[in-house]
């Protein structure tokens, strides 16, 4: 992947992107209340622990509640040489698009 990829992508475009690591950075309670099946829990308050284990050769897809925190983390990871992406609108947008009963 080159540097011309957008910082933010939609859930609809996720399947068109190269396979990678899918991280939900919300708190544990939010994650357990409902999450995208592809995303594993990597809480933002523990970023110092899990970010050290990331692989620069794989894309990283980040989601939070509304997209703002994931976008900020994706931007920081890009500055460190990672191929990071944020999901536009976060889990709120996912729920409104694919499962409106979630909210």
PDB file of N, CA and C in Angstrom:
ATOM      1  N   UNK A   1       0.838  -1.182   0.000  1.00  0.00           N
ATOM      2  CA  UNK A   1       0.000   0.000   0.000  1.00  0.00           C
ATOM      3  C   UNK A   1       0.879   1.240   0.000  1.00  0.00           C
ATOM      4  N   UNK A   2       0.438   2.228  -0.712  1.00  0.00           N
ATOM      5  CA  UNK A   2       1.212   3.469  -0.721  1.00  0.00           C
ATOM      6  C   UNK A   2       0.517   4.533   0.118  1.00  0.00           C
ATOM      7  N   UNK A   3       1.097   5.702   0.202  1.00  0.00           N
ATOM      8  CA  UNK A   3       0.575   6.769   1.037  1.00  0.00           C
ATOM      9  C   UNK A   3      -0.618   7.499   0.461  1.00  0.00           C
ATOM     10  N   UNK A   4      -1.142   7.071  -0.664  1.00  0.00           N
ATOM     11  CA  UNK A   4      -2.261   7.759  -1.295  1.00  0.00           C
ATOM     12  C   UNK A   4      -3.622   7.280  -0.806  1.00  0.00           C
ATOM     13  N   UNK A   5      -3.658   6.387   0.146  1.00  0.00           N
ATOM     14  CA  UNK A   5      -4.922   5.878   0.662  1.00  0.00           C
ATOM     15  C   UNK A   5      -5.552   6.915   1.584  1.00  0.00           C
ATOM     16  N   UNK A   6      -6.881   7.011   1.607  1.00  0.00           N
ATOM     17  CA  UNK A   6      -7.539   7.980   2.487  1.00  0.00           C
ATOM     18  C   UNK A   6      -7.365   7.594   3.957  1.00  0.00           C
ATOM     19  N   UNK A   7      -7.401   8.572   4.833  1.00  0.00           N
ATOM     20  CA  UNK A   7      -7.309   8.310   6.268  1.00  0.00           C
ATOM     21  C   UNK A   7      -8.588   7.654   6.777  1.00  0.00           C
ATOM     22  N   UNK A   8      -9.717   8.073   6.230  1.00  0.00           N
ATOM     23  CA  UNK A   8     -11.015   7.558   6.673  1.00  0.00           C
ATOM     24  C   UNK A   8     -11.672   6.742   5.569  1.00  0.00           C
ATOM     25  N   UNK A   9     -12.293   5.645   5.972  1.00  0.00           N
ATOM     26  CA  UNK A   9     -13.041   4.810   5.034  1.00  0.00           C
ATOM     27  C   UNK A   9     -14.398   4.480   5.658  1.00  0.00           C
ATOM     28  N   UNK A  10     -15.312   4.011   4.834  1.00  0.00           N
ATOM     29  CA  UNK A  10     -16.634   3.628   5.325  1.00  0.00           C
ATOM     30  C   UNK A  10     -16.672   2.127   5.583  1.00  0.00           C
ATOM     31  N   UNK A  11     -17.643   1.708   6.377  1.00  0.00           N
ATOM     32  CA  UNK A  11     -17.832   0.277   6.591  1.00  0.00           C
ATOM     33  C   UNK A  11     -18.168  -0.419   5.275  1.00  0.00           C
ATOM     34  N   UNK A  12     -18.868   0.291   4.399  1.00  0.00           N
ATOM     35  CA  UNK A  12     -19.214  -0.295   3.102  1.00  0.00           C
ATOM     36  C   UNK A  12     -17.968  -0.596   2.278  1.00  0.00           C
ATOM     37  N   UNK A  13     -16.913   0.204   2.435  1.00  0.00           N
ATOM     38  CA  UNK A  13     -15.677   0.011   1.674  1.00  0.00           C
ATOM     39  C   UNK A  13     -14.681  -0.923   2.346  1.00  0.00           C
ATOM     40  N   UNK A  14     -14.959  -1.342   3.555  1.00  0.00           N
ATOM     41  CA  UNK A  14     -14.011  -2.155   4.312  1.00  0.00           C
ATOM     42  C   UNK A  14     -13.641  -3.448   3.582  1.00  0.00           C
ATOM     43  N   UNK A  15     -14.603  -4.098   2.963  1.00  0.00           N
ATOM     44  CA  UNK A  15     -14.325  -5.354   2.252  1.00  0.00           C
ATOM     45  C   UNK A  15     -13.484  -5.156   0.998  1.00  0.00           C
ATOM     46  N   UNK A  16     -13.396  -3.928   0.506  1.00  0.00           N
ATOM     47  CA  UNK A  16     -12.592  -3.646  -0.684  1.00  0.00           C
ATOM     48  C   UNK A  16     -11.147  -3.308  -0.335  1.00  0.00           C
ATOM     49  N   UNK A  17     -10.873  -3.177   0.942  1.00  0.00           N
ATOM     50  CA  UNK A  17      -9.529  -2.828   1.403  1.00  0.00           C
ATOM     51  C   UNK A  17      -8.706  -4.098   1.622  1.00  0.00           C
ATOM     52  N   UNK A  18      -7.373  -3.976   1.588  1.00  0.00           N
ATOM     53  CA  UNK A  18      -6.528  -5.144   1.858  1.00  0.00           C
ATOM     54  C   UNK A  18      -6.771  -5.669   3.277  1.00  0.00           C
ATOM     55  N   UNK A  19      -6.669  -6.978   3.481  1.00  0.00           N
ATOM     56  CA  UNK A  19      -6.847  -7.532   4.826  1.00  0.00           C
ATOM     57  C   UNK A  19      -5.838  -6.928   5.794  1.00  0.00           C
ATOM     58  N   UNK A  20      -6.227  -6.823   7.042  1.00  0.00           N
ATOM     59  CA  UNK A  20      -5.332  -6.240   8.034  1.00  0.00           C
ATOM     60  C   UNK A  20      -5.747  -6.576   9.444  1.00  0.00           C
ATOM     61  N   UNK A  21      -5.395  -5.699  10.350  1.00  0.00           N
ATOM     62  CA  UNK A  21      -5.719  -5.835  11.764  1.00  0.00           C
ATOM     63  C   UNK A  21      -6.873  -4.888  12.066  1.00  0.00           C
ATOM     64  N   UNK A  22      -7.912  -5.393  12.713  1.00  0.00           N
ATOM     65  CA  UNK A  22      -9.131  -4.635  12.961  1.00  0.00           C
ATOM     66  C   UNK A  22      -9.266  -4.392  14.461  1.00  0.00           C
ATOM     67  N   UNK A  23      -9.184  -3.122  14.880  1.00  0.00           N
ATOM     68  CA  UNK A  23      -9.157  -2.786  16.298  1.00  0.00           C
ATOM     69  C   UNK A  23     -10.296  -1.852  16.693  1.00  0.00           C
ATOM     70  N   UNK A  24     -11.032  -2.243  17.711  1.00  0.00           N
ATOM     71  CA  UNK A  24     -12.081  -1.424  18.309  1.00  0.00           C
ATOM     72  C   UNK A  24     -11.474  -0.801  19.561  1.00  0.00           C
ATOM     73  N   UNK A  25     -11.316   0.525  19.563  1.00  0.00           N
ATOM     74  CA  UNK A  25     -10.599   1.190  20.650  1.00  0.00           C
ATOM     75  C   UNK A  25     -11.530   1.740  21.739  1.00  0.00           C
ATOM     76  N   UNK A  26     -12.786   1.354  21.713  1.00  0.00           N
ATOM     77  CA  UNK A  26     -13.721   1.811  22.747  1.00  0.00           C
ATOM     78  C   UNK A  26     -13.436   1.112  24.081  1.00  0.00           C
ATOM     79  N   UNK A  27     -14.077   1.595  25.142  1.00  0.00           N
ATOM     80  CA  UNK A  27     -13.905   0.960  26.448  1.00  0.00           C
ATOM     81  C   UNK A  27     -14.570  -0.420  26.448  1.00  0.00           C
ATOM     82  N   UNK A  28     -14.252  -1.201  27.461  1.00  0.00           N
ATOM     83  CA  UNK A  28     -14.713  -2.591  27.521  1.00  0.00           C
ATOM     84  C   UNK A  28     -16.236  -2.702  27.522  1.00  0.00           C
ATOM     85  N   UNK A  29     -16.905  -1.863  28.303  1.00  0.00           N
ATOM     86  CA  UNK A  29     -18.362  -1.922  28.380  1.00  0.00           C
ATOM     87  C   UNK A  29     -19.004  -1.654  27.022  1.00  0.00           C
ATOM     88  N   UNK A  30     -18.501  -0.667  26.305  1.00  0.00           N
ATOM     89  CA  UNK A  30     -19.040  -0.354  24.976  1.00  0.00           C
ATOM     90  C   UNK A  30     -18.793  -1.498  24.007  1.00  0.00           C
ATOM     91  N   UNK A  31     -17.597  -2.065  24.057  1.00  0.00           N
ATOM     92  CA  UNK A  31     -17.261  -3.186  23.175  1.00  0.00           C
ATOM     93  C   UNK A  31     -18.178  -4.379  23.454  1.00  0.00           C
ATOM     94  N   UNK A  32     -18.368  -4.703  24.729  1.00  0.00           N
ATOM     95  CA  UNK A  32     -19.204  -5.846  25.088  1.00  0.00           C
ATOM     96  C   UNK A  32     -20.676  -5.612  24.777  1.00  0.00           C
ATOM     97  N   UNK A  33     -21.098  -4.347  24.776  1.00  0.00           N
ATOM     98  CA  UNK A  33     -22.491  -4.028  24.453  1.00  0.00           C
ATOM     99  C   UNK A  33     -22.805  -4.311  22.991  1.00  0.00           C
ATOM    100  N   UNK A  34     -21.789  -4.295  22.142  1.00  0.00           N
ATOM    101  CA  UNK A  34     -21.968  -4.592  20.727  1.00  0.00           C
ATOM    102  C   UNK A  34     -20.777  -4.133  19.929  1.00  0.00           C
ATOM    103  N   UNK A  35     -20.330  -4.986  19.036  1.00  0.00           N
ATOM    104  CA  UNK A  35     -19.169  -4.645  18.209  1.00  0.00           C
ATOM    105  C   UNK A  35     -19.264  -5.351  16.862  1.00  0.00           C
ATOM    106  N   UNK A  36     -18.510  -4.852  15.913  1.00  0.00           N
ATOM    107  CA  UNK A  36     -18.410  -5.478  14.599  1.00  0.00           C
ATOM    108  C   UNK A  36     -17.657  -6.793  14.791  1.00  0.00           C
ATOM    109  N   UNK A  37     -18.139  -7.883  14.219  1.00  0.00           N
ATOM    110  CA  UNK A  37     -17.513  -9.186  14.460  1.00  0.00           C
ATOM    111  C   UNK A  37     -16.053  -9.285  14.016  1.00  0.00           C
ATOM    112  N   UNK A  38     -15.631  -8.462  13.120  1.00  0.00           N
ATOM    113  CA  UNK A  38     -14.260  -8.524  12.619  1.00  0.00           C
ATOM    114  C   UNK A  38     -13.265  -7.811  13.548  1.00  0.00           C
ATOM    115  N   UNK A  39     -13.762  -6.937  14.403  1.00  0.00           N
ATOM    116  CA  UNK A  39     -12.892  -6.087  15.216  1.00  0.00           C
ATOM    117  C   UNK A  39     -12.639  -6.674  16.599  1.00  0.00           C
ATOM    118  N   UNK A  40     -11.357  -6.707  16.986  1.00  0.00           N
ATOM    119  CA  UNK A  40     -11.001  -7.147  18.333  1.00  0.00           C
ATOM    120  C   UNK A  40     -10.829  -5.932  19.237  1.00  0.00           C
ATOM    121  N   UNK A  41     -10.972  -6.157  20.519  1.00  0.00           N
ATOM    122  CA  UNK A  41     -10.909  -5.070  21.484  1.00  0.00           C
ATOM    123  C   UNK A  41      -9.467  -4.672  21.764  1.00  0.00           C
ATOM    124  N   UNK A  42      -9.178  -3.390  21.613  1.00  0.00           N
ATOM    125  CA  UNK A  42      -7.871  -2.804  21.920  1.00  0.00           C
ATOM    126  C   UNK A  42      -8.149  -1.423  22.504  1.00  0.00           C
ATOM    127  N   UNK A  43      -8.482  -1.354  23.792  1.00  0.00           N
ATOM    128  CA  UNK A  43      -8.926  -0.091  24.382  1.00  0.00           C
ATOM    129  C   UNK A  43      -7.911   1.035  24.266  1.00  0.00           C
ATOM    130  N   UNK A  44      -8.424   2.204  23.986  1.00  0.00           N
ATOM    131  CA  UNK A  44      -7.583   3.380  23.802  1.00  0.00           C
ATOM    132  C   UNK A  44      -6.734   3.669  25.035  1.00  0.00           C
ATOM    133  N   UNK A  45      -7.278   3.423  26.219  1.00  0.00           N
ATOM    134  CA  UNK A  45      -6.511   3.717  27.432  1.00  0.00           C
ATOM    135  C   UNK A  45      -5.343   2.756  27.648  1.00  0.00           C
ATOM    136  N   UNK A  46      -5.217   1.747  26.780  1.00  0.00           N
ATOM    137  CA  UNK A  46      -4.088   0.814  26.850  1.00  0.00           C
ATOM    138  C   UNK A  46      -3.235   0.864  25.581  1.00  0.00           C
ATOM    139  N   UNK A  47      -3.329   1.965  24.853  1.00  0.00           N
ATOM    140  CA  UNK A  47      -2.619   2.081  23.576  1.00  0.00           C
ATOM    141  C   UNK A  47      -1.112   1.887  23.738  1.00  0.00           C
ATOM    142  N   UNK A  48      -0.572   2.297  24.862  1.00  0.00           N
ATOM    143  CA  UNK A  48       0.859   2.119  25.089  1.00  0.00           C
ATOM    144  C   UNK A  48       1.278   0.665  25.094  1.00  0.00           C
ATOM    145  N   UNK A  49       0.369  -0.225  25.469  1.00  0.00           N
ATOM    146  CA  UNK A  49       0.664  -1.658  25.491  1.00  0.00           C
ATOM    147  C   UNK A  49       0.506  -2.293  24.109  1.00  0.00           C
ATOM    148  N   UNK A  50      -0.664  -2.105  23.494  1.00  0.00           N
ATOM    149  CA  UNK A  50      -0.916  -2.820  22.247  1.00  0.00           C
ATOM    150  C   UNK A  50      -0.256  -2.192  21.032  1.00  0.00           C
ATOM    151  N   UNK A  51       0.032  -0.902  21.068  1.00  0.00           N
ATOM    152  CA  UNK A  51       0.642  -0.273  19.886  1.00  0.00           C
ATOM    153  C   UNK A  51       2.069  -0.764  19.645  1.00  0.00           C
ATOM    154  N   UNK A  52       2.728  -1.236  20.671  1.00  0.00           N
ATOM    155  CA  UNK A  52       4.093  -1.752  20.521  1.00  0.00           C
ATOM    156  C   UNK A  52       4.130  -3.075  19.766  1.00  0.00           C
ATOM    157  N   UNK A  53       2.984  -3.741  19.663  1.00  0.00           N
ATOM    158  CA  UNK A  53       2.916  -5.045  19.020  1.00  0.00           C
ATOM    159  C   UNK A  53       2.394  -4.981  17.585  1.00  0.00           C
ATOM    160  N   UNK A  54       2.160  -3.792  17.076  1.00  0.00           N
ATOM    161  CA  UNK A  54       1.604  -3.647  15.730  1.00  0.00           C
ATOM    162  C   UNK A  54       2.646  -3.955  14.663  1.00  0.00           C
ATOM    163  N   UNK A  55       2.165  -4.456  13.548  1.00  0.00           N
ATOM    164  CA  UNK A  55       3.010  -4.830  12.415  1.00  0.00           C
ATOM    165  C   UNK A  55       2.876  -3.755  11.336  1.00  0.00           C
ATOM    166  N   UNK A  56       3.975  -3.092  10.995  1.00  0.00           N
ATOM    167  CA  UNK A  56       3.927  -2.020   9.989  1.00  0.00           C
ATOM    168  C   UNK A  56       3.610  -2.536   8.583  1.00  0.00           C
ATOM    169  N   UNK A  57       3.712  -3.826   8.364  1.00  0.00           N
ATOM    170  CA  UNK A  57       3.462  -4.361   7.025  1.00  0.00           C
ATOM    171  C   UNK A  57       1.979  -4.662   6.782  1.00  0.00           C
ATOM    172  N   UNK A  58       1.152  -4.550   7.812  1.00  0.00           N
ATOM    173  CA  UNK A  58      -0.286  -4.837   7.675  1.00  0.00           C
ATOM    174  C   UNK A  58      -1.108  -3.576   7.920  1.00  0.00           C
ATOM    175  N   UNK A  59      -2.153  -3.364   7.139  1.00  0.00           N
ATOM    176  CA  UNK A  59      -3.051  -2.239   7.405  1.00  0.00           C
ATOM    177  C   UNK A  59      -3.727  -2.405   8.771  1.00  0.00           C
ATOM    178  N   UNK A  60      -4.013  -1.286   9.408  1.00  0.00           N
ATOM    179  CA  UNK A  60      -4.690  -1.281  10.699  1.00  0.00           C
ATOM    180  C   UNK A  60      -5.971  -0.473  10.538  1.00  0.00           C
ATOM    181  N   UNK A  61      -7.096  -1.094  10.868  1.00  0.00           N
ATOM    182  CA  UNK A  61      -8.395  -0.447  10.770  1.00  0.00           C
ATOM    183  C   UNK A  61      -8.909  -0.199  12.184  1.00  0.00           C
ATOM    184  N   UNK A  62      -9.234   1.056  12.481  1.00  0.00           N
ATOM    185  CA  UNK A  62      -9.627   1.463  13.829  1.00  0.00           C
ATOM    186  C   UNK A  62     -11.058   1.974  13.853  1.00  0.00           C
ATOM    187  N   UNK A  63     -11.773   1.610  14.909  1.00  0.00           N
ATOM    188  CA  UNK A  63     -13.131   2.109  15.097  1.00  0.00           C
ATOM    189  C   UNK A  63     -13.310   2.503  16.560  1.00  0.00           C
ATOM    190  N   UNK A  64     -14.097   3.563  16.764  1.00  0.00           N
ATOM    191  CA  UNK A  64     -14.483   3.993  18.107  1.00  0.00           C
ATOM    192  C   UNK A  64     -15.992   4.236  18.067  1.00  0.00           C
ATOM    193  N   UNK A  65     -16.510   5.020  18.987  1.00  0.00           N
ATOM    194  CA  UNK A  65     -17.954   5.238  19.043  1.00  0.00           C
ATOM    195  C   UNK A  65     -18.471   6.069  17.868  1.00  0.00           C
ATOM    196  N   UNK A  66     -17.836   7.215  17.599  1.00  0.00           N
ATOM    197  CA  UNK A  66     -18.311   8.112  16.537  1.00  0.00           C
ATOM    198  C   UNK A  66     -17.260   8.423  15.477  1.00  0.00           C
ATOM    199  N   UNK A  67     -16.062   7.927  15.630  1.00  0.00           N
ATOM    200  CA  UNK A  67     -15.032   8.097  14.615  1.00  0.00           C
ATOM    201  C   UNK A  67     -13.919   9.075  14.933  1.00  0.00           C
ATOM    202  N   UNK A  68     -14.144   9.995  15.857  1.00  0.00           N
ATOM    203  CA  UNK A  68     -13.145  11.033  16.129  1.00  0.00           C
ATOM    204  C   UNK A  68     -11.876  10.491  16.774  1.00  0.00           C
ATOM    205  N   UNK A  69     -12.030   9.675  17.807  1.00  0.00           N
ATOM    206  CA  UNK A  69     -10.845   9.125  18.484  1.00  0.00           C
ATOM    207  C   UNK A  69     -10.082   8.181  17.565  1.00  0.00           C
ATOM    208  N   UNK A  70     -10.793   7.360  16.815  1.00  0.00           N
ATOM    209  CA  UNK A  70     -10.133   6.438  15.887  1.00  0.00           C
ATOM    210  C   UNK A  70      -9.367   7.214  14.817  1.00  0.00           C
ATOM    211  N   UNK A  71      -9.928   8.312  14.355  1.00  0.00           N
ATOM    212  CA  UNK A  71      -9.250   9.134  13.354  1.00  0.00           C
ATOM    213  C   UNK A  71      -7.964   9.721  13.925  1.00  0.00           C
ATOM    214  N   UNK A  72      -8.012  10.214  15.162  1.00  0.00           N
ATOM    215  CA  UNK A  72      -6.820  10.786  15.795  1.00  0.00           C
ATOM    216  C   UNK A  72      -5.736   9.724  15.975  1.00  0.00           C
ATOM    217  N   UNK A  73      -6.125   8.520  16.390  1.00  0.00           N
ATOM    218  CA  UNK A  73      -5.157   7.432  16.572  1.00  0.00           C
ATOM    219  C   UNK A  73      -4.588   7.007  15.222  1.00  0.00           C
ATOM    220  N   UNK A  74      -5.444   6.899  14.209  1.00  0.00           N
ATOM    221  CA  UNK A  74      -4.971   6.519  12.872  1.00  0.00           C
ATOM    222  C   UNK A  74      -3.957   7.531  12.352  1.00  0.00           C
ATOM    223  N   UNK A  75      -4.216   8.801  12.579  1.00  0.00           N
ATOM    224  CA  UNK A  75      -3.288   9.846  12.141  1.00  0.00           C
ATOM    225  C   UNK A  75      -1.944   9.712  12.856  1.00  0.00           C
ATOM    226  N   UNK A  76      -1.964   9.490  14.158  1.00  0.00           N
ATOM    227  CA  UNK A  76      -0.720   9.309  14.924  1.00  0.00           C
ATOM    228  C   UNK A  76       0.037   8.074  14.439  1.00  0.00           C
ATOM    229  N   UNK A  77      -0.678   6.994  14.178  1.00  0.00           N
ATOM    230  CA  UNK A  77      -0.023   5.775  13.699  1.00  0.00           C
ATOM    231  C   UNK A  77       0.585   5.985  12.315  1.00  0.00           C
ATOM    232  N   UNK A  78      -0.100   6.740  11.473  1.00  0.00           N
ATOM    233  CA  UNK A  78       0.466   7.043  10.149  1.00  0.00           C
ATOM    234  C   UNK A  78       1.760   7.836  10.275  1.00  0.00           C
ATOM    235  N   UNK A  79       1.789   8.759  11.221  1.00  0.00           N
ATOM    236  CA  UNK A  79       3.004   9.547  11.444  1.00  0.00           C
ATOM    237  C   UNK A  79       4.170   8.661  11.874  1.00  0.00           C
ATOM    238  N   UNK A  80       3.860   7.496  12.435  1.00  0.00           N
ATOM    239  CA  UNK A  80       4.879   6.549  12.880  1.00  0.00           C
ATOM    240  C   UNK A  80       5.162   5.470  11.833  1.00  0.00           C
ATOM    241  N   UNK A  81       4.577   5.619  10.646  1.00  0.00           N
ATOM    242  CA  UNK A  81       4.864   4.704   9.555  1.00  0.00           C
ATOM    243  C   UNK A  81       3.901   3.548   9.374  1.00  0.00           C
ATOM    244  N   UNK A  82       2.781   3.557  10.100  1.00  0.00           N
ATOM    245  CA  UNK A  82       1.788   2.491   9.960  1.00  0.00           C
ATOM    246  C   UNK A  82       0.780   2.836   8.871  1.00  0.00           C
ATOM    247  N   UNK A  83       0.165   1.823   8.302  1.00  0.00           N
ATOM    248  CA  UNK A  83      -0.906   1.976   7.319  1.00  0.00           C
ATOM    249  C   UNK A  83      -2.219   1.931   8.100  1.00  0.00           C
ATOM    250  N   UNK A  84      -2.621   3.049   8.660  1.00  0.00           N
ATOM    251  CA  UNK A  84      -3.767   3.086   9.562  1.00  0.00           C
ATOM    252  C   UNK A  84      -4.954   3.809   8.942  1.00  0.00           C
ATOM    253  N   UNK A  85      -6.149   3.311   9.265  1.00  0.00           N
ATOM    254  CA  UNK A  85      -7.396   3.855   8.735  1.00  0.00           C
ATOM    255  C   UNK A  85      -8.421   3.958   9.852  1.00  0.00           C
ATOM    256  N   UNK A  86      -9.272   4.952   9.749  1.00  0.00           N
ATOM    257  CA  UNK A  86     -10.371   5.144  10.686  1.00  0.00           C
ATOM    258  C   UNK A  86     -11.683   4.878   9.955  1.00  0.00           C
ATOM    259  N   UNK A  87     -12.636   4.282  10.656  1.00  0.00           N
ATOM    260  CA  UNK A  87     -13.950   4.031  10.079  1.00  0.00           C
ATOM    261  C   UNK A  87     -14.839   5.248  10.331  1.00  0.00           C
ATOM    262  N   UNK A  88     -15.300   5.866   9.256  1.00  0.00           N
ATOM    263  CA  UNK A  88     -16.107   7.086   9.327  1.00  0.00           C
ATOM    264  C   UNK A  88     -17.369   6.843  10.155  1.00  0.00           C
ATOM    265  N   UNK A  89     -17.588   7.714  11.131  1.00  0.00           N
ATOM    266  CA  UNK A  89     -18.802   7.634  11.942  1.00  0.00           C
ATOM    267  C   UNK A  89     -18.763   6.595  13.040  1.00  0.00           C
ATOM    268  N   UNK A  90     -17.729   5.795  13.076  1.00  0.00           N
ATOM    269  CA  UNK A  90     -17.563   4.797  14.127  1.00  0.00           C
ATOM    270  C   UNK A  90     -18.690   3.782  14.202  1.00  0.00           C
ATOM    271  N   UNK A  91     -18.835   3.200  15.385  1.00  0.00           N
ATOM    272  CA  UNK A  91     -19.865   2.178  15.582  1.00  0.00           C
ATOM    273  C   UNK A  91     -21.266   2.765  15.486  1.00  0.00           C
ATOM    274  N   UNK A  92     -21.399   4.050  15.757  1.00  0.00           N
ATOM    275  CA  UNK A  92     -22.699   4.689  15.597  1.00  0.00           C
ATOM    276  C   UNK A  92     -23.146   4.596  14.141  1.00  0.00           C
ATOM    277  N   UNK A  93     -22.252   4.936  13.211  1.00  0.00           N
ATOM    278  CA  UNK A  93     -22.590   4.871  11.789  1.00  0.00           C
ATOM    279  C   UNK A  93     -22.845   3.431  11.356  1.00  0.00           C
ATOM    280  N   UNK A  94     -22.040   2.507  11.860  1.00  0.00           N
ATOM    281  CA  UNK A  94     -22.243   1.090  11.543  1.00  0.00           C
ATOM    282  C   UNK A  94     -23.643   0.652  11.975  1.00  0.00           C
ATOM    283  N   UNK A  95     -24.020   1.020  13.200  1.00  0.00           N
ATOM    284  CA  UNK A  95     -25.326   0.629  13.708  1.00  0.00           C
ATOM    285  C   UNK A  95     -26.455   1.260  12.899  1.00  0.00           C
ATOM    286  N   UNK A  96     -26.322   2.527  12.556  1.00  0.00           N
ATOM    287  CA  UNK A  96     -27.372   3.204  11.798  1.00  0.00           C
ATOM    288  C   UNK A  96     -27.519   2.622  10.393  1.00  0.00           C
ATOM    289  N   UNK A  97     -26.410   2.168   9.824  1.00  0.00           N
ATOM    290  CA  UNK A  97     -26.429   1.633   8.468  1.00  0.00           C
ATOM    291  C   UNK A  97     -26.858   0.171   8.422  1.00  0.00           C
ATOM    292  N   UNK A  98     -26.329  -0.630   9.331  1.00  0.00           N
ATOM    293  CA  UNK A  98     -26.522  -2.078   9.243  1.00  0.00           C
ATOM    294  C   UNK A  98     -27.406  -2.671  10.331  1.00  0.00           C
ATOM    295  N   UNK A  99     -27.557  -1.986  11.464  1.00  0.00           N
ATOM    296  CA  UNK A  99     -28.325  -2.532  12.574  1.00  0.00           C
ATOM    297  C   UNK A  99     -28.909  -1.399  13.414  1.00  0.00           C
ATOM    298  N   UNK A 100     -29.942  -0.717  12.915  1.00  0.00           N
ATOM    299  CA  UNK A 100     -30.476   0.445  13.622  1.00  0.00           C
ATOM    300  C   UNK A 100     -31.017   0.133  15.017  1.00  0.00           C
ATOM    301  N   UNK A 101     -31.312  -1.107  15.322  1.00  0.00           N
ATOM    302  CA  UNK A 101     -31.811  -1.455  16.649  1.00  0.00           C
ATOM    303  C   UNK A 101     -30.708  -1.431  17.698  1.00  0.00           C
ATOM    304  N   UNK A 102     -29.460  -1.345  17.257  1.00  0.00           N
ATOM    305  CA  UNK A 102     -28.312  -1.311  18.164  1.00  0.00           C
ATOM    306  C   UNK A 102     -28.355  -0.069  19.039  1.00  0.00           C
ATOM    307  N   UNK A 103     -28.812   1.061  18.476  1.00  0.00           N
ATOM    308  CA  UNK A 103     -28.871   2.320  19.234  1.00  0.00           C
ATOM    309  C   UNK A 103     -30.283   2.675  19.588  1.00  0.00           C
TER     310      UNK A 103
END
